[in-house]
Amino acid sequence: MLDDDRNRTAVEGLLADADRALALTEFEDVRGSREIVRETIANARQSCIDLVRRRRTLSLTLGEQTALQQTLDVLRARLRFFDASV
Protein backbone atom coordinates (compact mmCIF):
# COMPACT_ATOMS: atom_id res chain seq x y z
CA MET A 1 0.00 0.00 0.00
CA LEU A 2 0.99 3.61 -0.49
CA ASP A 3 1.82 5.95 2.37
CA ASP A 4 -1.05 8.22 3.46
CA ASP A 5 -0.03 11.32 1.48
CA ARG A 6 0.62 9.41 -1.73
CA ASN A 7 -2.60 7.43 -1.27
CA ARG A 8 -4.61 10.65 -0.75
CA THR A 9 -3.14 12.21 -3.89
CA ALA A 10 -3.76 9.03 -5.89
CA VAL A 11 -7.36 8.76 -4.64
CA GLU A 12 -8.05 12.39 -5.58
CA GLY A 13 -6.60 11.72 -9.04
CA LEU A 14 -8.66 8.56 -9.41
CA LEU A 15 -11.91 10.35 -8.55
CA ALA A 16 -11.06 13.27 -10.86
CA ASP A 17 -10.28 10.86 -13.70
CA ALA A 18 -13.56 9.02 -13.08
CA ASP A 19 -15.48 12.30 -13.32
CA ARG A 20 -13.58 13.22 -16.48
CA ALA A 21 -14.28 9.83 -18.08
CA LEU A 22 -17.97 10.26 -17.34
CA ALA A 23 -18.02 13.80 -18.71
CA LEU A 24 -16.43 12.59 -21.94
CA THR A 25 -19.39 10.28 -22.52
CA GLU A 26 -21.86 13.12 -22.89
CA PHE A 27 -23.08 11.75 -26.20
CA GLU A 28 -25.23 14.78 -26.96
CA ASP A 29 -21.97 16.53 -27.80
CA VAL A 30 -21.03 14.00 -30.48
CA ARG A 31 -24.38 13.37 -32.14
CA GLY A 32 -24.21 12.78 -35.84
CA SER A 33 -20.67 11.47 -35.98
CA ARG A 34 -20.49 7.69 -35.91
CA GLU A 35 -16.70 7.70 -35.70
CA ILE A 36 -16.65 10.01 -32.68
CA VAL A 37 -19.28 7.87 -30.94
CA ARG A 38 -17.21 4.72 -31.59
CA GLU A 39 -14.10 6.43 -30.25
CA THR A 40 -15.99 7.72 -27.22
CA ILE A 41 -17.26 4.22 -26.44
CA ALA A 42 -13.77 2.71 -26.79
CA ASN A 43 -12.31 5.38 -24.52
CA ALA A 44 -15.07 4.89 -21.93
CA ARG A 45 -14.52 1.14 -21.93
CA GLN A 46 -10.78 1.57 -21.41
CA SER A 47 -11.40 4.16 -18.70
CA CYS A 48 -13.59 1.71 -16.77
CA ILE A 49 -10.88 -0.92 -16.92
CA ASP A 50 -8.17 1.53 -15.85
CA LEU A 51 -10.22 2.99 -12.99
CA VAL A 52 -11.01 -0.43 -11.53
CA ARG A 53 -7.36 -1.50 -11.86
CA ARG A 54 -6.07 1.66 -10.18
CA ARG A 55 -8.66 1.42 -7.40
CA ARG A 56 -7.29 -1.96 -6.29
CA THR A 57 -4.05 -0.44 -4.98
CA LEU A 58 -5.67 2.42 -3.05
CA SER A 59 -7.34 2.87 0.30
CA LEU A 60 -10.59 4.80 -0.17
CA THR A 61 -13.00 6.07 2.46
CA LEU A 62 -16.55 4.76 2.35
CA GLY A 63 -17.70 8.03 0.76
CA GLU A 64 -14.99 7.83 -1.89
CA GLN A 65 -15.85 4.21 -2.62
CA THR A 66 -19.50 5.16 -3.02
CA ALA A 67 -18.71 8.11 -5.30
CA LEU A 68 -16.44 6.01 -7.48
CA GLN A 69 -18.95 3.16 -7.68
CA GLN A 70 -21.76 5.53 -8.66
CA THR A 71 -19.63 7.05 -11.40
CA LEU A 72 -18.63 3.60 -12.68
CA ASP A 73 -22.27 2.49 -12.62
CA VAL A 74 -23.33 5.42 -14.82
CA LEU A 75 -20.37 4.89 -17.15
CA ARG A 76 -21.21 1.19 -17.52
CA ALA A 77 -24.89 1.99 -18.09
CA ARG A 78 -23.93 4.34 -20.91
CA LEU A 79 -21.77 1.62 -22.43
CA ARG A 80 -24.61 -0.94 -22.15
CA PHE A 81 -26.92 1.50 -23.92
CA PHE A 82 -24.60 1.24 -26.93
CA ASP A 83 -24.25 -2.55 -26.55
CA ALA A 84 -20.66 -2.16 -25.40
CA SER A 85 -19.52 -4.31 -22.53
CA VAL A 86 -16.78 -3.77 -20.00
C-alpha atoms as a PDB file:
ATOM      1  CA  MET A   1       0.000   0.000   0.000  1.00  0.00           C
ATOM      2  CA  LEU A   2       0.988   3.608  -0.490  1.00  0.00           C
ATOM      3  CA  ASP A   3       1.820   5.952   2.372  1.00  0.00           C
ATOM      4  CA  ASP A   4      -1.050   8.220   3.460  1.00  0.00           C
ATOM      5  CA  ASP A   5      -0.030  11.317   1.477  1.00  0.00           C
ATOM      6  CA  ARG A   6       0.617   9.412  -1.734  1.00  0.00           C
ATOM      7  CA  ASN A   7      -2.603   7.433  -1.269  1.00  0.00           C
ATOM      8  CA  ARG A   8      -4.609  10.646  -0.748  1.00  0.00           C
ATOM      9  CA  THR A   9      -3.138  12.205  -3.888  1.00  0.00           C
ATOM     10  CA  ALA A  10      -3.758   9.025  -5.891  1.00  0.00           C
ATOM     11  CA  VAL A  11      -7.356   8.761  -4.641  1.00  0.00           C
ATOM     12  CA  GLU A  12      -8.050  12.387  -5.580  1.00  0.00           C
ATOM     13  CA  GLY A  13      -6.598  11.725  -9.037  1.00  0.00           C
ATOM     14  CA  LEU A  14      -8.664   8.563  -9.409  1.00  0.00           C
ATOM     15  CA  LEU A  15     -11.909  10.350  -8.552  1.00  0.00           C
ATOM     16  CA  ALA A  16     -11.058  13.269 -10.859  1.00  0.00           C
ATOM     17  CA  ASP A  17     -10.276  10.858 -13.699  1.00  0.00           C
ATOM     18  CA  ALA A  18     -13.558   9.018 -13.085  1.00  0.00           C
ATOM     19  CA  ASP A  19     -15.484  12.297 -13.322  1.00  0.00           C
ATOM     20  CA  ARG A  20     -13.580  13.221 -16.477  1.00  0.00           C
ATOM     21  CA  ALA A  21     -14.278   9.832 -18.078  1.00  0.00           C
ATOM     22  CA  LEU A  22     -17.969  10.256 -17.338  1.00  0.00           C
ATOM     23  CA  ALA A  23     -18.025  13.801 -18.714  1.00  0.00           C
ATOM     24  CA  LEU A  24     -16.425  12.593 -21.940  1.00  0.00           C
ATOM     25  CA  THR A  25     -19.391  10.277 -22.519  1.00  0.00           C
ATOM     26  CA  GLU A  26     -21.863  13.125 -22.888  1.00  0.00           C
ATOM     27  CA  PHE A  27     -23.084  11.749 -26.201  1.00  0.00           C
ATOM     28  CA  GLU A  28     -25.233  14.785 -26.960  1.00  0.00           C
ATOM     29  CA  ASP A  29     -21.973  16.532 -27.799  1.00  0.00           C
ATOM     30  CA  VAL A  30     -21.028  13.997 -30.484  1.00  0.00           C
ATOM     31  CA  ARG A  31     -24.382  13.370 -32.135  1.00  0.00           C
ATOM     32  CA  GLY A  32     -24.208  12.779 -35.845  1.00  0.00           C
ATOM     33  CA  SER A  33     -20.671  11.466 -35.979  1.00  0.00           C
ATOM     34  CA  ARG A  34     -20.489   7.694 -35.909  1.00  0.00           C
ATOM     35  CA  GLU A  35     -16.704   7.702 -35.704  1.00  0.00           C
ATOM     36  CA  ILE A  36     -16.652  10.009 -32.684  1.00  0.00           C
ATOM     37  CA  VAL A  37     -19.281   7.875 -30.942  1.00  0.00           C
ATOM     38  CA  ARG A  38     -17.207   4.718 -31.590  1.00  0.00           C
ATOM     39  CA  GLU A  39     -14.101   6.426 -30.250  1.00  0.00           C
ATOM     40  CA  THR A  40     -15.989   7.720 -27.222  1.00  0.00           C
ATOM     41  CA  ILE A  41     -17.256   4.220 -26.444  1.00  0.00           C
ATOM     42  CA  ALA A  42     -13.775   2.714 -26.794  1.00  0.00           C
ATOM     43  CA  ASN A  43     -12.309   5.381 -24.519  1.00  0.00           C
ATOM     44  CA  ALA A  44     -15.068   4.893 -21.932  1.00  0.00           C
ATOM     45  CA  ARG A  45     -14.516   1.137 -21.930  1.00  0.00           C
ATOM     46  CA  GLN A  46     -10.780   1.573 -21.407  1.00  0.00           C
ATOM     47  CA  SER A  47     -11.396   4.164 -18.697  1.00  0.00           C
ATOM     48  CA  CYS A  48     -13.585   1.711 -16.768  1.00  0.00           C
ATOM     49  CA  ILE A  49     -10.883  -0.924 -16.918  1.00  0.00           C
ATOM     50  CA  ASP A  50      -8.172   1.526 -15.849  1.00  0.00           C
ATOM     51  CA  LEU A  51     -10.222   2.988 -12.991  1.00  0.00           C
ATOM     52  CA  VAL A  52     -11.008  -0.433 -11.533  1.00  0.00           C
ATOM     53  CA  ARG A  53      -7.365  -1.497 -11.859  1.00  0.00           C
ATOM     54  CA  ARG A  54      -6.072   1.664 -10.183  1.00  0.00           C
ATOM     55  CA  ARG A  55      -8.659   1.420  -7.398  1.00  0.00           C
ATOM     56  CA  ARG A  56      -7.286  -1.961  -6.287  1.00  0.00           C
ATOM     57  CA  THR A  57      -4.050  -0.445  -4.984  1.00  0.00           C
ATOM     58  CA  LEU A  58      -5.670   2.417  -3.046  1.00  0.00           C
ATOM     59  CA  SER A  59      -7.345   2.872   0.298  1.00  0.00           C
ATOM     60  CA  LEU A  60     -10.593   4.800  -0.172  1.00  0.00           C
ATOM     61  CA  THR A  61     -13.000   6.065   2.457  1.00  0.00           C
ATOM     62  CA  LEU A  62     -16.552   4.760   2.346  1.00  0.00           C
ATOM     63  CA  GLY A  63     -17.695   8.025   0.758  1.00  0.00           C
ATOM     64  CA  GLU A  64     -14.989   7.832  -1.893  1.00  0.00           C
ATOM     65  CA  GLN A  65     -15.850   4.209  -2.623  1.00  0.00           C
ATOM     66  CA  THR A  66     -19.500   5.159  -3.017  1.00  0.00           C
ATOM     67  CA  ALA A  67     -18.713   8.109  -5.295  1.00  0.00           C
ATOM     68  CA  LEU A  68     -16.435   6.007  -7.484  1.00  0.00           C
ATOM     69  CA  GLN A  69     -18.949   3.159  -7.682  1.00  0.00           C
ATOM     70  CA  GLN A  70     -21.758   5.534  -8.662  1.00  0.00           C
ATOM     71  CA  THR A  71     -19.626   7.048 -11.404  1.00  0.00           C
ATOM     72  CA  LEU A  72     -18.629   3.603 -12.684  1.00  0.00           C
ATOM     73  CA  ASP A  73     -22.270   2.487 -12.621  1.00  0.00           C
ATOM     74  CA  VAL A  74     -23.328   5.421 -14.816  1.00  0.00           C
ATOM     75  CA  LEU A  75     -20.371   4.895 -17.148  1.00  0.00           C
ATOM     76  CA  ARG A  76     -21.214   1.195 -17.516  1.00  0.00           C
ATOM     77  CA  ALA A  77     -24.894   1.988 -18.088  1.00  0.00           C
ATOM     78  CA  ARG A  78     -23.935   4.337 -20.908  1.00  0.00           C
ATOM     79  CA  LEU A  79     -21.774   1.624 -22.431  1.00  0.00           C
ATOM     80  CA  ARG A  80     -24.608  -0.939 -22.153  1.00  0.00           C
ATOM     81  CA  PHE A  81     -26.920   1.496 -23.923  1.00  0.00           C
ATOM     82  CA  PHE A  82     -24.597   1.243 -26.927  1.00  0.00           C
ATOM     83  CA  ASP A  83     -24.253  -2.550 -26.545  1.00  0.00           C
ATOM     84  CA  ALA A  84     -20.661  -2.163 -25.401  1.00  0.00           C
ATOM     85  CA  SER A  85     -19.524  -4.310 -22.528  1.00  0.00           C
ATOM     86  CA  VAL A  86     -16.781  -3.767 -19.995  1.00  0.00           C
END
